[in-house]
Amino acid sequence: MSDVMNTSSPDVAIIGMGRTGCSVARFLDARHIAYIAFDEKMTVLPGDIAGTLRSGALQGSVLKQFGRLIVSPGIPWHHPALEEAKAAGVELLGDLDFFHENFHGSLMAVTGTNGKSTVAHLMGQILEVLPGGVEIGGNIGVPMLDMLSKPELSPRAVLELSSFQLERCRGIHPSWAVLLNIQPDHADMHSSMVEYEAAKLRLFEQQCQGDIAMLPVDQHWNDTAWHLGEKGVEVRRFGAVQHSGEAYAGLLGEPGNRRIFWRCGDKVHEIAIDQVKVRGEHQQINLAVAAQGAADAGVSAAVISEALTAFRGLDHRLRYVGKVSGKAWYDDSKATNPDAAVAALNSFDKVIWVCGGLTKGLDLMPMMPEVQKHVALAFVIGADPRPFAAMLEDADVNYRVVTHIDEAVVQAGRSSLDLPVLLSPAAASMDQFKDYADRGRSFCAAVASLEKKP
């Protein structure tokens, strides 16, 4: 057993008792490791968790008395109480450390600002055809430590990993890993873009000879590719290119005549864009990455092709809701930052745009060219509509502040414009909703209600 687990003393604390924290508690309970749980919110532990819970503001003077703190992804790494404990010599860990020490199969890992859920989910679907199937989870679905409680584990796992999970782990060694993109986000959780990028790149630190790393074709990643290559890692680039020799996988050809492509051995396989149900160039590149991951794991091109053409996308990720009031409606509530919303806008010629929410300090002005190009009318929701209203004013785009999503749907449905309606907020949801999924469900429910109105 590793040194991470070599303790039965009561000097272990779990910080944050959401989904991840509870999975850590169950993991420790099963191994009879004593701990105390902390959460700043007033909460109640599930009945199957044996530990003691202390609620209220975190205090460094209390936390520095522990030997180890297992910190949930939602807790800022630079929380003053954590900083004080760290300065006192307390070891800070995340759930990824425990998974790494206790999972002995083949590990495939996905990170990036946007698209990682789609890639991890689709890879998991495809890899189910292999003997023993696949475990899938991490930042989505099943918490990674809950996987380890299964009586029979698959010989392989696909993990979606956030920057928060990566920054608080001591090391992870995936045999196949992909960084999809780095875009401004989580400004409230990282001190800088440099720190954010460094957290993502920790995914590759332990890789060595025989491992595969997938990176975007952007020149920004050339130095990273070179350093990985120097270690013997096989680096594969992906993206939108005109010739298959320019990337290992991605979108091939000119805009308007693109094909998804990936490789099985030396052979390039292609699928025409009109054969897949997923809309948006950024999402179609995600399909190519998932296809390449599946091919590298040993799945046949025929099975991969069938999976790509059947895949409808994940909920709240540029997903087609239906045609109501003569308009096509799209739910892209997962677009919680401007870059994700720009990618969605670029998937259309012109749209009626529903936007707004918690901006997390991100600058909306870089969106202006795409907003001017693609938005015919905007409806702004959110507790504070001023940042979006200011950007739309400067863009000279017609807009209305409606505050709530139900009213946005009603007014969009009444619009005389014969255009798709796109919810792609470019902002977080917590000012009015539980999370982006709650916002997306509210949008879809409002659209369904619109259909029933005379």
Protein backbone atom coordinates (compact mmCIF):
# COMPACT_ATOMS: atom_id res chain seq x y z
CA MET A 1 0.00 0.00 0.00
CA SER A 2 1.33 3.45 -0.91
CA ASP A 3 2.43 6.11 1.53
CA VAL A 4 -0.73 8.05 0.63
CA MET A 5 -2.74 5.34 2.35
CA ASN A 6 -0.30 4.41 5.11
CA THR A 7 -2.15 6.01 7.98
CA SER A 8 -4.86 5.07 10.42
CA SER A 9 -4.36 8.19 12.55
CA PRO A 10 -7.14 10.74 12.99
CA ASP A 11 -5.09 13.56 11.46
CA VAL A 12 -6.79 13.38 8.03
CA ALA A 13 -9.36 16.02 7.06
CA ILE A 14 -11.65 16.22 4.04
CA ILE A 15 -12.28 19.78 2.89
CA GLY A 16 -15.59 20.23 1.08
CA MET A 17 -18.38 17.67 1.32
CA GLY A 18 -20.00 17.81 -2.08
CA ARG A 19 -20.05 14.88 -4.48
CA THR A 20 -16.27 14.45 -4.48
CA GLY A 21 -15.84 14.93 -0.73
CA CYS A 22 -18.49 12.31 0.00
CA SER A 23 -16.79 9.85 -2.35
CA VAL A 24 -13.50 10.42 -0.50
CA ALA A 25 -15.26 9.82 2.83
CA ARG A 26 -16.71 6.51 1.63
CA PHE A 27 -13.30 5.51 0.30
CA LEU A 28 -11.67 6.20 3.69
CA ASP A 29 -14.52 4.57 5.64
CA ALA A 30 -14.08 1.37 3.61
CA ARG A 31 -10.41 1.31 4.60
CA HIS A 32 -11.05 2.21 8.28
CA ILE A 33 -9.09 5.46 8.00
CA ALA A 34 -10.17 8.09 10.53
CA TYR A 35 -10.94 11.63 9.33
CA ILE A 36 -12.91 14.77 10.10
CA ALA A 37 -14.96 16.44 7.35
CA PHE A 38 -15.20 20.22 6.92
CA ASP A 39 -17.63 22.25 4.83
CA GLU A 40 -18.23 25.99 4.92
CA LYS A 41 -21.90 25.45 4.07
CA MET A 42 -24.37 24.11 6.59
CA THR A 43 -24.94 20.62 5.27
CA VAL A 44 -25.78 17.12 6.48
CA LEU A 45 -23.69 14.08 5.64
CA PRO A 46 -25.42 11.16 3.90
CA GLY A 47 -26.36 8.32 6.24
CA ASP A 48 -23.75 5.94 4.81
CA ILE A 49 -20.85 8.19 5.82
CA ALA A 50 -19.40 7.56 9.26
CA GLY A 51 -17.18 10.62 9.74
CA THR A 52 -17.71 13.74 11.84
CA LEU A 53 -18.71 16.96 10.05
CA ARG A 54 -17.72 20.48 11.12
CA SER A 55 -19.60 23.27 9.33
CA GLY A 56 -18.64 26.92 9.07
CA ALA A 57 -15.78 29.07 7.82
CA LEU A 58 -12.48 27.24 7.38
CA GLN A 59 -9.85 28.26 9.92
CA GLY A 60 -6.16 27.84 9.21
CA SER A 61 -5.43 27.50 12.92
CA VAL A 62 -7.62 24.39 12.97
CA LEU A 63 -6.55 22.86 9.65
CA LYS A 64 -2.83 23.12 10.34
CA GLN A 65 -3.28 20.65 13.20
CA PHE A 66 -3.91 17.87 10.67
CA GLY A 67 -1.28 15.91 8.81
CA ARG A 68 -3.18 15.74 5.53
CA LEU A 69 -6.00 17.68 3.92
CA ILE A 70 -7.91 16.08 1.07
CA VAL A 71 -9.30 19.09 -0.78
CA SER A 72 -12.36 18.88 -3.04
CA PRO A 73 -12.16 20.51 -6.51
CA GLY A 74 -14.68 23.22 -5.63
CA ILE A 75 -12.51 24.67 -2.85
CA PRO A 76 -10.14 27.43 -4.10
CA TRP A 77 -6.53 26.22 -3.89
CA HIS A 78 -5.54 29.66 -2.59
CA HIS A 79 -8.09 29.73 0.23
CA PRO A 80 -6.37 31.54 3.13
CA ALA A 81 -7.02 28.66 5.52
CA LEU A 82 -5.41 26.19 3.11
CA GLU A 83 -2.47 28.51 2.54
CA GLU A 84 -1.90 28.74 6.30
CA ALA A 85 -2.05 24.98 6.70
CA LYS A 86 0.29 24.43 3.75
CA ALA A 87 2.79 26.92 5.18
CA ALA A 88 2.72 24.91 8.43
CA GLY A 89 3.79 21.78 6.54
CA VAL A 90 0.40 20.11 6.12
CA GLU A 91 0.16 17.95 2.99
CA LEU A 92 -2.65 18.91 0.60
CA LEU A 93 -4.04 16.20 -1.68
CA GLY A 94 -6.94 15.57 -4.03
CA ASP A 95 -9.02 12.50 -4.84
CA LEU A 96 -6.94 11.92 -7.98
CA ASP A 97 -3.95 10.90 -5.83
CA PHE A 98 -5.93 8.08 -4.25
CA PHE A 99 -7.30 6.92 -7.59
CA HIS A 100 -3.83 6.90 -9.13
CA GLU A 101 -2.46 4.81 -6.26
CA ASN A 102 -5.28 2.26 -6.33
CA PHE A 103 -6.28 1.82 -9.98
CA HIS A 104 -3.93 -0.50 -11.83
CA GLY A 105 -5.54 -0.67 -15.27
CA SER A 106 -4.95 1.35 -18.43
CA LEU A 107 -5.79 5.02 -17.86
CA MET A 108 -6.98 7.46 -20.54
CA ALA A 109 -7.46 11.07 -19.43
CA VAL A 110 -9.19 14.12 -20.93
CA THR A 111 -8.84 17.75 -19.90
CA GLY A 112 -9.48 21.18 -21.39
CA THR A 113 -11.63 24.24 -20.77
CA ASN A 114 -14.44 23.14 -23.07
CA GLY A 115 -15.46 19.83 -24.62
CA LYS A 116 -13.94 17.39 -22.14
CA SER A 117 -17.30 15.94 -21.04
CA THR A 118 -18.28 15.22 -24.64
CA VAL A 119 -14.97 13.53 -25.43
CA ALA A 120 -14.86 11.47 -22.23
CA HIS A 121 -18.49 10.41 -22.53
CA LEU A 122 -18.23 9.38 -26.19
CA MET A 123 -14.95 7.53 -25.62
CA GLY A 124 -16.59 5.67 -22.76
CA GLN A 125 -19.53 4.69 -24.95
CA ILE A 126 -17.26 3.35 -27.69
CA LEU A 127 -14.83 1.51 -25.40
CA GLU A 128 -17.69 -0.49 -23.87
CA VAL A 129 -17.33 -2.89 -26.83
CA LEU A 130 -13.89 -4.00 -25.60
CA PRO A 131 -13.52 -7.05 -23.31
CA GLY A 132 -14.13 -5.95 -19.73
CA GLY A 133 -15.71 -2.67 -20.81
CA VAL A 134 -14.54 0.63 -19.33
CA GLU A 135 -14.90 2.76 -16.22
CA ILE A 136 -15.78 6.41 -16.91
CA GLY A 137 -16.04 9.32 -14.53
CA GLY A 138 -14.00 11.87 -12.65
CA ASN A 139 -15.25 15.40 -13.17
CA ILE A 140 -18.47 13.98 -14.67
CA GLY A 141 -20.68 11.04 -13.82
CA VAL A 142 -19.30 8.66 -11.23
CA PRO A 143 -16.74 10.16 -8.81
CA MET A 144 -13.47 8.39 -9.54
CA LEU A 145 -13.12 6.87 -6.06
CA ASP A 146 -16.61 5.38 -6.27
CA MET A 147 -15.33 3.34 -9.22
CA LEU A 148 -12.91 1.58 -6.91
CA SER A 149 -15.75 0.24 -4.74
CA LYS A 150 -17.04 -1.96 -7.57
CA PRO A 151 -16.53 -5.70 -6.99
CA GLU A 152 -15.03 -6.10 -10.47
CA LEU A 153 -13.15 -3.23 -12.08
CA SER A 154 -12.70 -2.83 -15.80
CA PRO A 155 -9.10 -3.11 -17.05
CA ARG A 156 -9.34 0.44 -18.39
CA ALA A 157 -10.73 3.83 -17.34
CA VAL A 158 -11.49 7.16 -18.98
CA LEU A 159 -11.29 10.15 -16.64
CA GLU A 160 -12.47 13.68 -17.31
CA LEU A 161 -10.18 15.90 -15.24
CA SER A 162 -10.59 19.55 -14.31
CA SER A 163 -7.74 21.96 -13.64
CA PHE A 164 -8.74 21.87 -9.96
CA GLN A 165 -8.30 18.10 -9.78
CA LEU A 166 -4.98 18.23 -11.63
CA GLU A 167 -3.47 21.07 -9.61
CA ARG A 168 -3.99 19.27 -6.31
CA CYS A 169 -2.59 15.87 -7.27
CA ARG A 170 1.01 14.77 -6.77
CA GLY A 171 1.15 12.88 -10.05
CA ILE A 172 -0.88 10.93 -12.57
CA HIS A 173 0.32 8.67 -15.37
CA PRO A 174 -2.19 8.20 -18.19
CA SER A 175 -1.05 6.06 -21.10
CA TRP A 176 -3.21 8.25 -23.37
CA ALA A 177 -4.01 11.87 -22.59
CA VAL A 178 -5.54 14.82 -24.42
CA LEU A 179 -5.60 18.55 -23.75
CA LEU A 180 -8.49 19.89 -25.83
CA ASN A 181 -8.03 23.63 -25.35
CA ILE A 182 -7.17 26.38 -22.89
CA GLN A 183 -9.53 29.34 -22.79
CA PRO A 184 -10.12 32.06 -20.21
CA ASP A 185 -12.31 30.57 -17.50
CA HIS A 186 -12.30 29.97 -13.76
CA ALA A 187 -10.76 33.39 -13.22
CA ASP A 188 -12.27 33.25 -9.77
CA MET A 189 -10.37 30.05 -8.91
CA HIS A 190 -6.92 30.55 -10.47
CA SER A 191 -4.63 33.50 -9.88
CA SER A 192 -3.65 33.78 -13.56
CA MET A 193 -3.92 32.16 -16.98
CA VAL A 194 -0.33 30.95 -16.53
CA GLU A 195 -1.34 29.08 -13.37
CA TYR A 196 -4.46 27.71 -15.08
CA GLU A 197 -2.46 26.39 -18.03
CA ALA A 198 0.19 24.90 -15.74
CA ALA A 199 -2.53 23.00 -13.87
CA LYS A 200 -3.83 21.52 -17.13
CA LEU A 201 -0.34 20.54 -18.30
CA ARG A 202 0.22 18.48 -15.16
CA LEU A 203 -1.73 15.83 -17.03
CA PHE A 204 1.39 15.04 -19.06
CA GLU A 205 4.12 15.34 -16.38
CA GLN A 206 4.41 11.61 -15.67
CA GLN A 207 4.14 10.46 -19.29
CA CYS A 208 7.13 8.70 -20.82
CA GLN A 209 8.26 6.35 -23.61
CA GLY A 210 5.30 4.52 -25.16
CA ASP A 211 2.60 6.94 -23.97
CA ILE A 212 0.42 9.07 -26.27
CA ALA A 213 -0.27 12.78 -25.81
CA MET A 214 -2.77 14.65 -27.99
CA LEU A 215 -2.42 18.42 -28.36
CA PRO A 216 -4.13 21.05 -30.54
CA VAL A 217 -2.41 22.04 -33.80
CA ASP A 218 -2.05 25.64 -32.56
CA GLN A 219 1.54 26.86 -32.49
CA HIS A 220 1.06 27.75 -28.84
CA TRP A 221 1.55 24.08 -27.99
CA ASN A 222 4.70 23.50 -30.06
CA ASP A 223 7.07 23.83 -27.09
CA THR A 224 4.97 21.43 -25.02
CA ALA A 225 4.97 18.96 -27.91
CA TRP A 226 8.75 19.22 -28.24
CA HIS A 227 9.37 18.62 -24.52
CA LEU A 228 7.06 15.61 -24.49
CA GLY A 229 8.73 14.24 -27.59
CA GLU A 230 12.12 14.56 -25.90
CA LYS A 231 10.82 12.19 -23.19
CA GLY A 232 9.80 9.63 -25.79
CA VAL A 233 6.08 10.44 -25.64
CA GLU A 234 4.28 10.03 -28.97
CA VAL A 235 2.70 13.45 -29.59
CA ARG A 236 -0.30 13.67 -31.89
CA ARG A 237 -1.81 16.97 -32.99
CA PHE A 238 -5.49 17.52 -33.82
CA GLY A 239 -7.64 20.31 -35.22
CA ALA A 240 -9.19 21.75 -38.38
CA VAL A 241 -6.79 21.37 -41.32
CA GLN A 242 -6.90 21.30 -45.11
CA HIS A 243 -4.65 18.25 -45.56
CA SER A 244 -4.51 15.07 -43.45
CA GLY A 245 -0.73 15.38 -43.14
CA GLU A 246 -1.15 18.54 -41.04
CA ALA A 247 -2.75 16.70 -38.08
CA TYR A 248 -3.34 13.22 -36.75
CA ALA A 249 -7.10 13.70 -36.34
CA GLY A 250 -9.73 16.41 -36.58
CA LEU A 251 -11.66 18.15 -39.36
CA LEU A 252 -10.38 17.86 -42.91
CA GLY A 253 -11.00 20.16 -45.88
CA GLU A 254 -12.39 23.62 -46.56
CA PRO A 255 -15.25 25.14 -44.53
CA GLY A 256 -18.53 23.95 -46.02
CA ASN A 257 -16.98 20.68 -47.16
CA ARG A 258 -15.44 19.29 -43.99
CA ARG A 259 -14.97 15.66 -42.97
CA ILE A 260 -14.20 14.21 -39.57
CA PHE A 261 -11.03 12.13 -39.73
CA TRP A 262 -8.93 9.90 -37.49
CA ARG A 263 -6.38 7.14 -37.95
CA CYS A 264 -6.27 3.42 -37.32
CA GLY A 265 -2.64 2.52 -37.80
CA ASP A 266 -1.49 4.00 -41.10
CA LYS A 267 -4.97 4.34 -42.56
CA VAL A 268 -6.98 7.56 -42.44
CA HIS A 269 -10.73 7.15 -41.88
CA GLU A 270 -13.28 9.85 -42.70
CA ILE A 271 -16.94 10.67 -42.12
CA ALA A 272 -18.74 13.51 -43.91
CA ILE A 273 -20.11 16.20 -41.61
CA ASP A 274 -23.66 15.65 -42.86
CA GLN A 275 -23.52 12.09 -41.51
CA VAL A 276 -23.23 13.22 -37.86
CA LYS A 277 -25.96 14.76 -35.71
CA VAL A 278 -23.66 16.99 -33.65
CA ARG A 279 -23.52 20.62 -34.75
CA GLY A 280 -20.59 23.03 -34.47
CA GLU A 281 -16.98 22.75 -35.64
CA HIS A 282 -15.67 22.67 -32.08
CA GLN A 283 -17.94 19.74 -31.23
CA GLN A 284 -17.06 17.90 -34.42
CA ILE A 285 -13.37 18.17 -33.56
CA ASN A 286 -14.28 16.62 -30.20
CA LEU A 287 -15.82 13.69 -32.07
CA ALA A 288 -12.56 13.21 -33.98
CA VAL A 289 -10.54 13.22 -30.74
CA ALA A 290 -12.86 10.65 -29.16
CA ALA A 291 -12.61 8.54 -32.32
CA GLN A 292 -8.82 8.67 -32.16
CA GLY A 293 -8.81 7.68 -28.50
CA ALA A 294 -11.06 4.72 -29.25
CA ALA A 295 -8.88 3.67 -32.20
CA ASP A 296 -5.75 3.87 -30.05
CA ALA A 297 -7.47 1.61 -27.50
CA GLY A 298 -8.09 -0.99 -30.20
CA VAL A 299 -11.67 -0.36 -31.37
CA SER A 300 -12.32 -0.99 -35.06
CA ALA A 301 -13.02 1.81 -37.54
CA ALA A 302 -16.45 0.32 -38.34
CA VAL A 303 -17.58 0.47 -34.69
CA ILE A 304 -16.20 4.00 -34.29
CA SER A 305 -17.99 5.20 -37.44
CA GLU A 306 -21.31 3.79 -36.21
CA ALA A 307 -20.87 5.46 -32.83
CA LEU A 308 -20.07 8.86 -34.36
CA THR A 309 -23.12 8.85 -36.62
CA ALA A 310 -25.43 7.77 -33.77
CA PHE A 311 -24.15 10.23 -31.15
CA ARG A 312 -26.59 13.09 -30.47
CA GLY A 313 -24.35 15.05 -28.14
CA LEU A 314 -24.66 15.65 -24.42
CA ASP A 315 -27.45 17.57 -22.75
CA HIS A 316 -26.97 21.35 -22.71
CA ARG A 317 -24.09 21.25 -25.20
CA LEU A 318 -25.46 22.80 -28.39
CA ARG A 319 -28.21 20.20 -28.38
CA TYR A 320 -31.22 20.50 -30.64
CA VAL A 321 -34.38 20.92 -28.54
CA GLY A 322 -36.95 20.89 -31.33
CA LYS A 323 -38.96 23.11 -33.67
CA VAL A 324 -41.54 25.21 -31.85
CA SER A 325 -43.37 28.33 -33.04
CA GLY A 326 -41.73 27.84 -36.41
CA LYS A 327 -38.22 28.16 -34.92
CA ALA A 328 -35.43 25.67 -34.21
CA TRP A 329 -34.31 25.85 -30.56
CA TYR A 330 -30.84 24.91 -29.29
CA ASP A 331 -29.74 24.40 -25.69
CA ASP A 332 -26.07 25.25 -25.13
CA SER A 333 -26.35 26.10 -21.44
CA LYS A 334 -22.94 24.49 -20.83
CA ALA A 335 -21.36 27.51 -22.59
CA THR A 336 -20.40 29.18 -19.31
CA ASN A 337 -17.67 31.39 -20.80
CA PRO A 338 -17.34 33.66 -23.86
CA ASP A 339 -15.11 31.29 -25.86
CA ALA A 340 -17.65 28.48 -25.62
CA ALA A 341 -20.46 30.82 -26.69
CA VAL A 342 -18.40 32.14 -29.62
CA ALA A 343 -17.88 28.56 -30.82
CA ALA A 344 -21.65 28.02 -30.69
CA LEU A 345 -22.42 31.29 -32.50
CA ASN A 346 -19.97 30.34 -35.24
CA SER A 347 -22.05 27.22 -35.86
CA PHE A 348 -24.87 29.37 -37.30
CA ASP A 349 -25.30 32.07 -39.89
CA LYS A 350 -27.76 34.18 -37.88
CA VAL A 351 -29.53 33.47 -34.58
CA ILE A 352 -31.73 34.88 -31.89
CA TRP A 353 -29.37 34.70 -28.92
CA VAL A 354 -30.28 34.14 -25.26
CA CYS A 355 -27.30 35.18 -23.13
CA GLY A 356 -26.32 36.44 -19.70
CA GLY A 357 -25.56 35.31 -16.20
CA LEU A 358 -22.56 35.41 -13.88
CA THR A 359 -19.54 36.61 -15.90
CA LYS A 360 -16.93 35.62 -13.27
CA GLY A 361 -14.95 38.72 -14.20
CA LEU A 362 -14.37 37.63 -17.81
CA ASP A 363 -14.18 40.31 -20.51
CA LEU A 364 -17.07 40.07 -22.97
CA MET A 365 -15.71 42.55 -25.50
CA PRO A 366 -13.60 40.01 -27.46
CA MET A 367 -16.92 38.38 -28.42
CA MET A 368 -18.07 41.47 -30.29
CA PRO A 369 -17.01 40.50 -33.87
CA GLU A 370 -18.85 37.15 -33.70
CA VAL A 371 -21.85 38.73 -31.98
CA GLN A 372 -22.07 41.38 -34.71
CA LYS A 373 -21.77 38.70 -37.40
CA HIS A 374 -24.19 36.11 -36.08
CA VAL A 375 -26.72 37.75 -33.72
CA ALA A 376 -29.83 39.36 -35.17
CA LEU A 377 -31.55 39.81 -31.81
CA ALA A 378 -30.45 39.10 -28.25
CA PHE A 379 -32.34 38.51 -25.02
CA VAL A 380 -30.30 39.14 -21.87
CA ILE A 381 -31.03 37.17 -18.71
CA GLY A 382 -29.20 37.17 -15.39
CA ALA A 383 -29.24 39.01 -12.07
CA ASP A 384 -26.86 41.64 -13.47
CA PRO A 385 -27.51 42.20 -17.20
CA ARG A 386 -25.24 45.26 -17.44
CA PRO A 387 -22.06 43.60 -18.84
CA PHE A 388 -23.99 41.98 -21.70
CA ALA A 389 -26.08 45.08 -22.33
CA ALA A 390 -22.91 47.17 -22.60
CA MET A 391 -21.29 44.75 -25.03
CA LEU A 392 -24.42 44.54 -27.19
CA GLU A 393 -24.73 48.33 -27.19
CA ASP A 394 -21.15 48.65 -28.44
CA ALA A 395 -21.80 45.92 -31.02
CA ASP A 396 -24.89 47.81 -32.24
CA VAL A 397 -26.98 44.64 -31.95
CA ASN A 398 -30.67 44.82 -31.15
CA TYR A 399 -31.32 43.40 -27.67
CA ARG A 400 -33.83 43.31 -24.83
CA VAL A 401 -33.17 42.84 -21.12
CA VAL A 402 -35.71 40.30 -19.88
CA THR A 403 -33.89 39.11 -16.73
CA HIS A 404 -35.46 35.63 -16.62
CA ILE A 405 -35.16 32.76 -19.05
CA ASP A 406 -38.92 32.06 -19.26
CA GLU A 407 -39.60 35.55 -20.57
CA ALA A 408 -36.69 35.28 -22.99
CA VAL A 409 -38.25 32.16 -24.50
CA VAL A 410 -41.71 33.75 -24.73
CA GLN A 411 -40.40 36.87 -26.46
CA ALA A 412 -38.09 34.92 -28.76
CA GLY A 413 -41.03 32.74 -29.78
CA ARG A 414 -43.08 35.84 -30.63
CA SER A 415 -40.31 37.38 -32.72
CA SER A 416 -41.06 37.81 -36.41
CA LEU A 417 -37.50 36.73 -37.24
CA ASP A 418 -37.38 33.33 -38.93
CA LEU A 419 -34.17 32.26 -37.19
CA PRO A 420 -32.93 29.57 -34.77
CA VAL A 421 -33.01 30.46 -31.07
CA LEU A 422 -29.76 29.69 -29.27
CA LEU A 423 -29.28 29.58 -25.51
CA SER A 424 -25.51 29.95 -25.19
CA PRO A 425 -25.13 32.20 -22.15
CA ALA A 426 -21.35 32.93 -22.17
CA ALA A 427 -21.66 33.09 -18.38
CA ALA A 428 -22.07 30.92 -15.32
CA SER A 429 -25.53 30.17 -13.96
CA MET A 430 -25.29 30.41 -10.19
CA ASP A 431 -26.81 33.89 -9.98
CA GLN A 432 -30.23 32.45 -10.85
CA PHE A 433 -29.90 28.67 -11.11
CA LYS A 434 -28.41 25.73 -9.26
CA ASP A 435 -26.03 25.03 -12.14
CA TYR A 436 -25.82 25.10 -15.93
CA ALA A 437 -27.93 21.92 -16.17
CA ASP A 438 -30.71 23.54 -14.14
CA ARG A 439 -30.57 26.54 -16.49
CA GLY A 440 -30.73 24.27 -19.53
CA ARG A 441 -33.67 22.33 -18.14
CA SER A 442 -35.50 25.59 -17.44
CA PHE A 443 -34.92 26.68 -21.03
CA CYS A 444 -36.18 23.37 -22.44
CA ALA A 445 -39.21 23.44 -20.13
CA ALA A 446 -40.04 26.98 -21.26
CA VAL A 447 -39.79 25.92 -24.90
CA ALA A 448 -42.09 22.95 -24.21
CA SER A 449 -44.58 25.26 -22.48
CA LEU A 450 -44.46 27.59 -25.45
CA GLU A 451 -45.58 24.73 -27.69
CA LYS A 452 -48.70 24.23 -25.56
CA LYS A 453 -49.77 27.88 -25.64
CA PRO A 454 -52.53 28.86 -28.10
